[in-house]
């Protein structure tokens, strides 16, 4: 049974983002940042938290047309490892992986 670790980012006591990672598989299921915090360092801090949860590797699926997210992941050490399909939406996605 998959278990997920959720890390929340707060600012002035309010939730501004979160990341969910399965520490056993290294699958990063979600990273979400409130739009007013886009372009800051919240997403990078959440990604760092994910790397601490799963220090051997992180793997994720990102929509092929989400160029902003793809650039963000590449900037943070992820690389493209294959094409895939989102199991929920059926949309084409990139499988990306980070390994130290």
PDB file of N, CA and C in Angstrom:
ATOM      1  N   UNK A   1       0.843  -1.173   0.000  1.00  0.00           N
ATOM      2  CA  UNK A   1       0.000   0.000   0.000  1.00  0.00           C
ATOM      3  C   UNK A   1       0.896   1.247   0.000  1.00  0.00           C
ATOM      4  N   UNK A   2       0.727   2.133  -0.985  1.00  0.00           N
ATOM      5  CA  UNK A   2       1.557   3.331  -1.018  1.00  0.00           C
ATOM      6  C   UNK A   2       1.247   4.247   0.171  1.00  0.00           C
ATOM      7  N   UNK A   3       2.287   4.827   0.689  1.00  0.00           N
ATOM      8  CA  UNK A   3       2.133   5.840   1.723  1.00  0.00           C
ATOM      9  C   UNK A   3       2.770   7.108   1.195  1.00  0.00           C
ATOM     10  N   UNK A   4       2.165   8.214   1.505  1.00  0.00           N
ATOM     11  CA  UNK A   4       2.659   9.485   1.012  1.00  0.00           C
ATOM     12  C   UNK A   4       3.021  10.381   2.179  1.00  0.00           C
ATOM     13  N   UNK A   5       4.134  11.067   2.020  1.00  0.00           N
ATOM     14  CA  UNK A   5       4.527  12.084   2.977  1.00  0.00           C
ATOM     15  C   UNK A   5       4.189  13.436   2.370  1.00  0.00           C
ATOM     16  N   UNK A   6       3.505  14.261   3.120  1.00  0.00           N
ATOM     17  CA  UNK A   6       3.099  15.587   2.649  1.00  0.00           C
ATOM     18  C   UNK A   6       3.844  16.630   3.467  1.00  0.00           C
ATOM     19  N   UNK A   7       4.488  17.543   2.756  1.00  0.00           N
ATOM     20  CA  UNK A   7       5.165  18.670   3.393  1.00  0.00           C
ATOM     21  C   UNK A   7       4.447  19.940   2.963  1.00  0.00           C
ATOM     22  N   UNK A   8       4.131  20.782   3.926  1.00  0.00           N
ATOM     23  CA  UNK A   8       3.381  22.018   3.672  1.00  0.00           C
ATOM     24  C   UNK A   8       4.303  23.220   3.846  1.00  0.00           C
ATOM     25  N   UNK A   9       4.186  24.180   2.945  1.00  0.00           N
ATOM     26  CA  UNK A   9       4.898  25.457   3.073  1.00  0.00           C
ATOM     27  C   UNK A   9       3.909  26.496   3.577  1.00  0.00           C
ATOM     28  N   UNK A  10       4.340  27.269   4.570  1.00  0.00           N
ATOM     29  CA  UNK A  10       3.480  28.303   5.145  1.00  0.00           C
ATOM     30  C   UNK A  10       4.148  29.668   5.062  1.00  0.00           C
ATOM     31  N   UNK A  11       3.309  30.677   5.006  1.00  0.00           N
ATOM     32  CA  UNK A  11       3.754  32.066   5.082  1.00  0.00           C
ATOM     33  C   UNK A  11       2.752  32.806   5.950  1.00  0.00           C
ATOM     34  N   UNK A  12       3.223  33.406   7.009  1.00  0.00           N
ATOM     35  CA  UNK A  12       2.354  34.116   7.951  1.00  0.00           C
ATOM     36  C   UNK A  12       1.197  33.243   8.423  1.00  0.00           C
ATOM     37  N   UNK A  13       1.477  31.952   8.653  1.00  0.00           N
ATOM     38  CA  UNK A  13       0.471  31.039   9.178  1.00  0.00           C
ATOM     39  C   UNK A  13      -0.497  30.486   8.154  1.00  0.00           C
ATOM     40  N   UNK A  14      -0.352  30.868   6.894  1.00  0.00           N
ATOM     41  CA  UNK A  14      -1.239  30.375   5.843  1.00  0.00           C
ATOM     42  C   UNK A  14      -0.489  29.392   4.943  1.00  0.00           C
ATOM     43  N   UNK A  15      -1.173  28.357   4.503  1.00  0.00           N
ATOM     44  CA  UNK A  15      -0.592  27.388   3.581  1.00  0.00           C
ATOM     45  C   UNK A  15      -0.396  28.055   2.216  1.00  0.00           C
ATOM     46  N   UNK A  16       0.839  28.000   1.698  1.00  0.00           N
ATOM     47  CA  UNK A  16       1.115  28.579   0.382  1.00  0.00           C
ATOM     48  C   UNK A  16       1.559  27.526  -0.627  1.00  0.00           C
ATOM     49  N   UNK A  17       1.671  26.277  -0.158  1.00  0.00           N
ATOM     50  CA  UNK A  17       2.039  25.206  -1.069  1.00  0.00           C
ATOM     51  C   UNK A  17       2.250  23.902  -0.334  1.00  0.00           C
ATOM     52  N   UNK A  18       2.381  22.821  -1.116  1.00  0.00           N
ATOM     53  CA  UNK A  18       2.672  21.520  -0.532  1.00  0.00           C
ATOM     54  C   UNK A  18       3.289  20.611  -1.576  1.00  0.00           C
ATOM     55  N   UNK A  19       3.955  19.574  -1.097  1.00  0.00           N
ATOM     56  CA  UNK A  19       4.509  18.542  -1.960  1.00  0.00           C
ATOM     57  C   UNK A  19       4.137  17.193  -1.357  1.00  0.00           C
ATOM     58  N   UNK A  20       3.784  16.228  -2.226  1.00  0.00           N
ATOM     59  CA  UNK A  20       3.477  14.878  -1.766  1.00  0.00           C
ATOM     60  C   UNK A  20       4.442  13.910  -2.442  1.00  0.00           C
ATOM     61  N   UNK A  21       5.085  13.075  -1.615  1.00  0.00           N
ATOM     62  CA  UNK A  21       6.085  12.130  -2.109  1.00  0.00           C
ATOM     63  C   UNK A  21       5.868  10.776  -1.448  1.00  0.00           C
ATOM     64  N   UNK A  22       5.935   9.725  -2.246  1.00  0.00           N
ATOM     65  CA  UNK A  22       5.937   8.367  -1.700  1.00  0.00           C
ATOM     66  C   UNK A  22       7.395   8.034  -1.383  1.00  0.00           C
ATOM     67  N   UNK A  23       7.755   7.940  -0.098  1.00  0.00           N
ATOM     68  CA  UNK A  23       9.158   7.722   0.253  1.00  0.00           C
ATOM     69  C   UNK A  23       9.679   6.348  -0.156  1.00  0.00           C
ATOM     70  N   UNK A  24       8.805   5.394  -0.429  1.00  0.00           N
ATOM     71  CA  UNK A  24       9.237   4.050  -0.813  1.00  0.00           C
ATOM     72  C   UNK A  24       9.576   3.968  -2.298  1.00  0.00           C
ATOM     73  N   UNK A  25       8.772   4.595  -3.130  1.00  0.00           N
ATOM     74  CA  UNK A  25       9.006   4.535  -4.580  1.00  0.00           C
ATOM     75  C   UNK A  25       9.743   5.761  -5.108  1.00  0.00           C
ATOM     76  N   UNK A  26       9.724   6.856  -4.340  1.00  0.00           N
ATOM     77  CA  UNK A  26      10.323   8.098  -4.815  1.00  0.00           C
ATOM     78  C   UNK A  26       9.421   8.862  -5.774  1.00  0.00           C
ATOM     79  N   UNK A  27       8.146   8.473  -5.847  1.00  0.00           N
ATOM     80  CA  UNK A  27       7.233   9.158  -6.772  1.00  0.00           C
ATOM     81  C   UNK A  27       6.734  10.459  -6.158  1.00  0.00           C
ATOM     82  N   UNK A  28       7.001  11.547  -6.849  1.00  0.00           N
ATOM     83  CA  UNK A  28       6.505  12.868  -6.455  1.00  0.00           C
ATOM     84  C   UNK A  28       5.166  13.039  -7.164  1.00  0.00           C
ATOM     85  N   UNK A  29       4.093  12.927  -6.398  1.00  0.00           N
ATOM     86  CA  UNK A  29       2.757  12.959  -6.985  1.00  0.00           C
ATOM     87  C   UNK A  29       2.282  14.372  -7.256  1.00  0.00           C
ATOM     88  N   UNK A  30       2.539  15.285  -6.329  1.00  0.00           N
ATOM     89  CA  UNK A  30       2.064  16.660  -6.503  1.00  0.00           C
ATOM     90  C   UNK A  30       3.039  17.641  -5.882  1.00  0.00           C
ATOM     91  N   UNK A  31       3.193  18.754  -6.542  1.00  0.00           N
ATOM     92  CA  UNK A  31       3.827  19.921  -5.943  1.00  0.00           C
ATOM     93  C   UNK A  31       2.954  21.097  -6.367  1.00  0.00           C
ATOM     94  N   UNK A  32       2.438  21.799  -5.374  1.00  0.00           N
ATOM     95  CA  UNK A  32       1.470  22.869  -5.623  1.00  0.00           C
ATOM     96  C   UNK A  32       1.928  24.112  -4.873  1.00  0.00           C
ATOM     97  N   UNK A  33       1.911  25.246  -5.580  1.00  0.00           N
ATOM     98  CA  UNK A  33       2.262  26.532  -4.973  1.00  0.00           C
ATOM     99  C   UNK A  33       1.170  27.529  -5.334  1.00  0.00           C
ATOM    100  N   UNK A  34       0.725  28.290  -4.351  1.00  0.00           N
ATOM    101  CA  UNK A  34      -0.289  29.320  -4.599  1.00  0.00           C
ATOM    102  C   UNK A  34       0.244  30.297  -5.657  1.00  0.00           C
ATOM    103  N   UNK A  35      -0.595  30.683  -6.624  1.00  0.00           N
ATOM    104  CA  UNK A  35      -0.139  31.535  -7.727  1.00  0.00           C
ATOM    105  C   UNK A  35       0.585  32.808  -7.284  1.00  0.00           C
ATOM    106  N   UNK A  36       0.159  33.392  -6.172  1.00  0.00           N
ATOM    107  CA  UNK A  36       0.818  34.630  -5.746  1.00  0.00           C
ATOM    108  C   UNK A  36       2.249  34.398  -5.274  1.00  0.00           C
ATOM    109  N   UNK A  37       2.656  33.127  -5.127  1.00  0.00           N
ATOM    110  CA  UNK A  37       4.018  32.793  -4.723  1.00  0.00           C
ATOM    111  C   UNK A  37       4.844  32.203  -5.865  1.00  0.00           C
ATOM    112  N   UNK A  38       4.254  32.136  -7.077  1.00  0.00           N
ATOM    113  CA  UNK A  38       5.012  31.665  -8.238  1.00  0.00           C
ATOM    114  C   UNK A  38       6.176  32.605  -8.489  1.00  0.00           C
ATOM    115  N   UNK A  39       7.285  32.045  -8.924  1.00  0.00           N
ATOM    116  CA  UNK A  39       8.461  32.851  -9.229  1.00  0.00           C
ATOM    117  C   UNK A  39       9.346  33.095  -8.021  1.00  0.00           C
ATOM    118  N   UNK A  40       8.876  32.738  -6.838  1.00  0.00           N
ATOM    119  CA  UNK A  40       9.685  32.866  -5.631  1.00  0.00           C
ATOM    120  C   UNK A  40      10.426  31.564  -5.366  1.00  0.00           C
ATOM    121  N   UNK A  41      10.782  31.353  -4.118  1.00  0.00           N
ATOM    122  CA  UNK A  41      11.561  30.164  -3.792  1.00  0.00           C
ATOM    123  C   UNK A  41      10.747  29.060  -3.107  1.00  0.00           C
ATOM    124  N   UNK A  42       9.435  29.234  -3.010  1.00  0.00           N
ATOM    125  CA  UNK A  42       8.596  28.233  -2.332  1.00  0.00           C
ATOM    126  C   UNK A  42       8.701  26.881  -3.027  1.00  0.00           C
ATOM    127  N   UNK A  43       8.561  26.840  -4.340  1.00  0.00           N
ATOM    128  CA  UNK A  43       8.601  25.569  -5.070  1.00  0.00           C
ATOM    129  C   UNK A  43       9.956  24.884  -4.902  1.00  0.00           C
ATOM    130  N   UNK A  44      11.035  25.646  -4.955  1.00  0.00           N
ATOM    131  CA  UNK A  44      12.371  25.058  -4.791  1.00  0.00           C
ATOM    132  C   UNK A  44      12.536  24.477  -3.391  1.00  0.00           C
ATOM    133  N   UNK A  45      12.019  25.164  -2.384  1.00  0.00           N
ATOM    134  CA  UNK A  45      12.091  24.649  -1.012  1.00  0.00           C
ATOM    135  C   UNK A  45      11.268  23.370  -0.875  1.00  0.00           C
ATOM    136  N   UNK A  46      10.096  23.335  -1.495  1.00  0.00           N
ATOM    137  CA  UNK A  46       9.278  22.132  -1.446  1.00  0.00           C
ATOM    138  C   UNK A  46       9.966  20.975  -2.172  1.00  0.00           C
ATOM    139  N   UNK A  47      10.585  21.262  -3.304  1.00  0.00           N
ATOM    140  CA  UNK A  47      11.306  20.229  -4.026  1.00  0.00           C
ATOM    141  C   UNK A  47      12.481  19.700  -3.199  1.00  0.00           C
ATOM    142  N   UNK A  48      13.171  20.596  -2.508  1.00  0.00           N
ATOM    143  CA  UNK A  48      14.254  20.164  -1.609  1.00  0.00           C
ATOM    144  C   UNK A  48      13.714  19.254  -0.510  1.00  0.00           C
ATOM    145  N   UNK A  49      12.534  19.576   0.012  1.00  0.00           N
ATOM    146  CA  UNK A  49      11.907  18.719   1.024  1.00  0.00           C
ATOM    147  C   UNK A  49      11.623  17.342   0.431  1.00  0.00           C
ATOM    148  N   UNK A  50      11.154  17.306  -0.803  1.00  0.00           N
ATOM    149  CA  UNK A  50      10.903  16.032  -1.477  1.00  0.00           C
ATOM    150  C   UNK A  50      12.178  15.212  -1.621  1.00  0.00           C
ATOM    151  N   UNK A  51      13.279  15.890  -1.924  1.00  0.00           N
ATOM    152  CA  UNK A  51      14.567  15.199  -2.059  1.00  0.00           C
ATOM    153  C   UNK A  51      15.039  14.648  -0.715  1.00  0.00           C
ATOM    154  N   UNK A  52      14.686  15.314   0.367  1.00  0.00           N
ATOM    155  CA  UNK A  52      15.035  14.783   1.688  1.00  0.00           C
ATOM    156  C   UNK A  52      14.159  13.581   2.051  1.00  0.00           C
ATOM    157  N   UNK A  53      12.909  13.594   1.612  1.00  0.00           N
ATOM    158  CA  UNK A  53      11.995  12.475   1.877  1.00  0.00           C
ATOM    159  C   UNK A  53      12.448  11.234   1.114  1.00  0.00           C
ATOM    160  N   UNK A  54      12.880  11.431  -0.113  1.00  0.00           N
ATOM    161  CA  UNK A  54      13.328  10.317  -0.958  1.00  0.00           C
ATOM    162  C   UNK A  54      14.708  10.656  -1.525  1.00  0.00           C
ATOM    163  N   UNK A  55      15.766  10.483  -0.718  1.00  0.00           N
ATOM    164  CA  UNK A  55      17.098  10.933  -1.136  1.00  0.00           C
ATOM    165  C   UNK A  55      17.746  10.117  -2.254  1.00  0.00           C
ATOM    166  N   UNK A  56      17.248   8.924  -2.545  1.00  0.00           N
ATOM    167  CA  UNK A  56      17.845   8.107  -3.602  1.00  0.00           C
ATOM    168  C   UNK A  56      17.381   8.532  -4.992  1.00  0.00           C
ATOM    169  N   UNK A  57      16.119   8.971  -5.090  1.00  0.00           N
ATOM    170  CA  UNK A  57      15.585   9.428  -6.382  1.00  0.00           C
ATOM    171  C   UNK A  57      14.203  10.018  -6.186  1.00  0.00           C
ATOM    172  N   UNK A  58      13.830  10.878  -7.110  1.00  0.00           N
ATOM    173  CA  UNK A  58      12.453  11.353  -7.244  1.00  0.00           C
ATOM    174  C   UNK A  58      12.062  11.142  -8.693  1.00  0.00           C
ATOM    175  N   UNK A  59      10.822  10.737  -8.913  1.00  0.00           N
ATOM    176  CA  UNK A  59      10.315  10.563 -10.256  1.00  0.00           C
ATOM    177  C   UNK A  59       8.926  11.180 -10.316  1.00  0.00           C
ATOM    178  N   UNK A  60       8.591  11.756 -11.460  1.00  0.00           N
ATOM    179  CA  UNK A  60       7.300  12.418 -11.605  1.00  0.00           C
ATOM    180  C   UNK A  60       6.841  12.386 -13.041  1.00  0.00           C
ATOM    181  N   UNK A  61       5.575  12.689 -13.217  1.00  0.00           N
ATOM    182  CA  UNK A  61       4.987  12.876 -14.541  1.00  0.00           C
ATOM    183  C   UNK A  61       4.579  14.337 -14.652  1.00  0.00           C
ATOM    184  N   UNK A  62       4.897  14.956 -15.786  1.00  0.00           N
ATOM    185  CA  UNK A  62       4.524  16.346 -16.014  1.00  0.00           C
ATOM    186  C   UNK A  62       3.932  16.457 -17.417  1.00  0.00           C
ATOM    187  N   UNK A  63       2.823  17.175 -17.527  1.00  0.00           N
ATOM    188  CA  UNK A  63       2.182  17.351 -18.835  1.00  0.00           C
ATOM    189  C   UNK A  63       3.175  17.924 -19.832  1.00  0.00           C
ATOM    190  N   UNK A  64       3.190  17.351 -21.042  1.00  0.00           N
ATOM    191  CA  UNK A  64       4.131  17.767 -22.076  1.00  0.00           C
ATOM    192  C   UNK A  64       3.994  19.250 -22.435  1.00  0.00           C
ATOM    193  N   UNK A  65       2.798  19.811 -22.260  1.00  0.00           N
ATOM    194  CA  UNK A  65       2.595  21.211 -22.612  1.00  0.00           C
ATOM    195  C   UNK A  65       2.816  22.162 -21.428  1.00  0.00           C
ATOM    196  N   UNK A  66       3.289  21.654 -20.298  1.00  0.00           N
ATOM    197  CA  UNK A  66       3.552  22.488 -19.129  1.00  0.00           C
ATOM    198  C   UNK A  66       5.030  22.891 -19.140  1.00  0.00           C
ATOM    199  N   UNK A  67       5.370  23.774 -20.077  1.00  0.00           N
ATOM    200  CA  UNK A  67       6.758  24.155 -20.309  1.00  0.00           C
ATOM    201  C   UNK A  67       7.387  24.821 -19.093  1.00  0.00           C
ATOM    202  N   UNK A  68       6.611  25.594 -18.371  1.00  0.00           N
ATOM    203  CA  UNK A  68       7.136  26.265 -17.173  1.00  0.00           C
ATOM    204  C   UNK A  68       7.591  25.231 -16.140  1.00  0.00           C
ATOM    205  N   UNK A  69       6.757  24.217 -15.906  1.00  0.00           N
ATOM    206  CA  UNK A  69       7.110  23.174 -14.933  1.00  0.00           C
ATOM    207  C   UNK A  69       8.301  22.361 -15.417  1.00  0.00           C
ATOM    208  N   UNK A  70       8.333  22.024 -16.690  1.00  0.00           N
ATOM    209  CA  UNK A  70       9.456  21.243 -17.231  1.00  0.00           C
ATOM    210  C   UNK A  70      10.763  22.003 -17.032  1.00  0.00           C
ATOM    211  N   UNK A  71      10.775  23.301 -17.335  1.00  0.00           N
ATOM    212  CA  UNK A  71      11.988  24.117 -17.121  1.00  0.00           C
ATOM    213  C   UNK A  71      12.378  24.126 -15.648  1.00  0.00           C
ATOM    214  N   UNK A  72      11.387  24.256 -14.764  1.00  0.00           N
ATOM    215  CA  UNK A  72      11.653  24.261 -13.331  1.00  0.00           C
ATOM    216  C   UNK A  72      12.316  22.954 -12.900  1.00  0.00           C
ATOM    217  N   UNK A  73      11.759  21.831 -13.324  1.00  0.00           N
ATOM    218  CA  UNK A  73      12.323  20.540 -12.935  1.00  0.00           C
ATOM    219  C   UNK A  73      13.732  20.362 -13.510  1.00  0.00           C
ATOM    220  N   UNK A  74      13.929  20.742 -14.771  1.00  0.00           N
ATOM    221  CA  UNK A  74      15.266  20.633 -15.365  1.00  0.00           C
ATOM    222  C   UNK A  74      16.273  21.497 -14.606  1.00  0.00           C
ATOM    223  N   UNK A  75      15.872  22.701 -14.256  1.00  0.00           N
ATOM    224  CA  UNK A  75      16.738  23.608 -13.498  1.00  0.00           C
ATOM    225  C   UNK A  75      17.120  23.006 -12.151  1.00  0.00           C
ATOM    226  N   UNK A  76      16.266  22.138 -11.611  1.00  0.00           N
ATOM    227  CA  UNK A  76      16.491  21.536 -10.304  1.00  0.00           C
ATOM    228  C   UNK A  76      16.998  20.095 -10.387  1.00  0.00           C
ATOM    229  N   UNK A  77      17.618  19.757 -11.517  1.00  0.00           N
ATOM    230  CA  UNK A  77      18.333  18.496 -11.633  1.00  0.00           C
ATOM    231  C   UNK A  77      17.565  17.312 -12.169  1.00  0.00           C
ATOM    232  N   UNK A  78      16.325  17.500 -12.591  1.00  0.00           N
ATOM    233  CA  UNK A  78      15.564  16.395 -13.173  1.00  0.00           C
ATOM    234  C   UNK A  78      15.926  16.256 -14.643  1.00  0.00           C
ATOM    235  N   UNK A  79      15.820  15.027 -15.139  1.00  0.00           N
ATOM    236  CA  UNK A  79      16.042  14.804 -16.561  1.00  0.00           C
ATOM    237  C   UNK A  79      14.896  13.980 -17.136  1.00  0.00           C
ATOM    238  N   UNK A  80      14.671  14.155 -18.405  1.00  0.00           N
ATOM    239  CA  UNK A  80      13.645  13.412 -19.134  1.00  0.00           C
ATOM    240  C   UNK A  80      14.082  11.947 -19.224  1.00  0.00           C
ATOM    241  N   UNK A  81      13.184  11.017 -18.851  1.00  0.00           N
ATOM    242  CA  UNK A  81      13.528   9.597 -18.952  1.00  0.00           C
ATOM    243  C   UNK A  81      12.523   8.811 -19.785  1.00  0.00           C
ATOM    244  N   UNK A  82      11.523   9.487 -20.347  1.00  0.00           N
ATOM    245  CA  UNK A  82      10.604   8.779 -21.225  1.00  0.00           C
ATOM    246  C   UNK A  82       9.251   9.433 -21.359  1.00  0.00           C
ATOM    247  N   UNK A  83       8.541   8.995 -22.375  1.00  0.00           N
ATOM    248  CA  UNK A  83       7.177   9.439 -22.604  1.00  0.00           C
ATOM    249  C   UNK A  83       6.233   8.534 -21.832  1.00  0.00           C
ATOM    250  N   UNK A  84       5.111   9.087 -21.437  1.00  0.00           N
ATOM    251  CA  UNK A  84       4.131   8.309 -20.691  1.00  0.00           C
ATOM    252  C   UNK A  84       2.771   8.936 -20.939  1.00  0.00           C
ATOM    253  N   UNK A  85       1.756   8.380 -20.294  1.00  0.00           N
ATOM    254  CA  UNK A  85       0.395   8.901 -20.370  1.00  0.00           C
ATOM    255  C   UNK A  85      -0.110   9.028 -18.939  1.00  0.00           C
ATOM    256  N   UNK A  86      -0.703  10.160 -18.624  1.00  0.00           N
ATOM    257  CA  UNK A  86      -1.266  10.353 -17.299  1.00  0.00           C
ATOM    258  C   UNK A  86      -2.373   9.330 -17.097  1.00  0.00           C
ATOM    259  N   UNK A  87      -2.281   8.503 -16.043  1.00  0.00           N
ATOM    260  CA  UNK A  87      -3.281   7.449 -15.857  1.00  0.00           C
ATOM    261  C   UNK A  87      -4.683   7.964 -15.544  1.00  0.00           C
ATOM    262  N   UNK A  88      -4.787   9.212 -15.100  1.00  0.00           N
ATOM    263  CA  UNK A  88      -6.097   9.770 -14.763  1.00  0.00           C
ATOM    264  C   UNK A  88      -6.706  10.508 -15.953  1.00  0.00           C
ATOM    265  N   UNK A  89      -5.919  11.428 -16.547  1.00  0.00           N
ATOM    266  CA  UNK A  89      -6.456  12.277 -17.616  1.00  0.00           C
ATOM    267  C   UNK A  89      -6.275  11.697 -19.012  1.00  0.00           C
ATOM    268  N   UNK A  90      -5.320  10.769 -19.168  1.00  0.00           N
ATOM    269  CA  UNK A  90      -5.028  10.234 -20.494  1.00  0.00           C
ATOM    270  C   UNK A  90      -4.156  11.146 -21.334  1.00  0.00           C
ATOM    271  N   UNK A  91      -3.704  12.268 -20.759  1.00  0.00           N
ATOM    272  CA  UNK A  91      -2.881  13.227 -21.498  1.00  0.00           C
ATOM    273  C   UNK A  91      -1.445  12.740 -21.608  1.00  0.00           C
ATOM    274  N   UNK A  92      -0.756  13.125 -22.689  1.00  0.00           N
ATOM    275  CA  UNK A  92       0.656  12.759 -22.823  1.00  0.00           C
ATOM    276  C   UNK A  92       1.502  13.533 -21.807  1.00  0.00           C
ATOM    277  N   UNK A  93       2.442  12.822 -21.204  1.00  0.00           N
ATOM    278  CA  UNK A  93       3.293  13.409 -20.186  1.00  0.00           C
ATOM    279  C   UNK A  93       4.745  12.984 -20.386  1.00  0.00           C
ATOM    280  N   UNK A  94       5.634  13.772 -19.793  1.00  0.00           N
ATOM    281  CA  UNK A  94       7.037  13.395 -19.701  1.00  0.00           C
ATOM    282  C   UNK A  94       7.246  12.723 -18.357  1.00  0.00           C
ATOM    283  N   UNK A  95       7.974  11.622 -18.366  1.00  0.00           N
ATOM    284  CA  UNK A  95       8.444  11.040 -17.089  1.00  0.00           C
ATOM    285  C   UNK A  95       9.814  11.651 -16.855  1.00  0.00           C
ATOM    286  N   UNK A  96       9.975  12.232 -15.658  1.00  0.00           N
ATOM    287  CA  UNK A  96      11.240  12.889 -15.324  1.00  0.00           C
ATOM    288  C   UNK A  96      11.764  12.300 -14.021  1.00  0.00           C
ATOM    289  N   UNK A  97      13.102  12.306 -13.891  1.00  0.00           N
ATOM    290  CA  UNK A  97      13.718  11.710 -12.699  1.00  0.00           C
ATOM    291  C   UNK A  97      14.877  12.575 -12.213  1.00  0.00           C
ATOM    292  N   UNK A  98      14.988  12.648 -10.902  1.00  0.00           N
ATOM    293  CA  UNK A  98      16.145  13.264 -10.236  1.00  0.00           C
ATOM    294  C   UNK A  98      16.854  12.167  -9.443  1.00  0.00           C
ATOM    295  N   UNK A  99      18.168  12.094  -9.595  1.00  0.00           N
ATOM    296  CA  UNK A  99      18.994  11.220  -8.772  1.00  0.00           C
ATOM    297  C   UNK A  99      20.250  12.005  -8.419  1.00  0.00           C
ATOM    298  N   UNK A 100      20.697  11.880  -7.156  1.00  0.00           N
ATOM    299  CA  UNK A 100      21.894  12.633  -6.756  1.00  0.00           C
ATOM    300  C   UNK A 100      23.148  12.155  -7.481  1.00  0.00           C
TER     301      UNK A 100
END
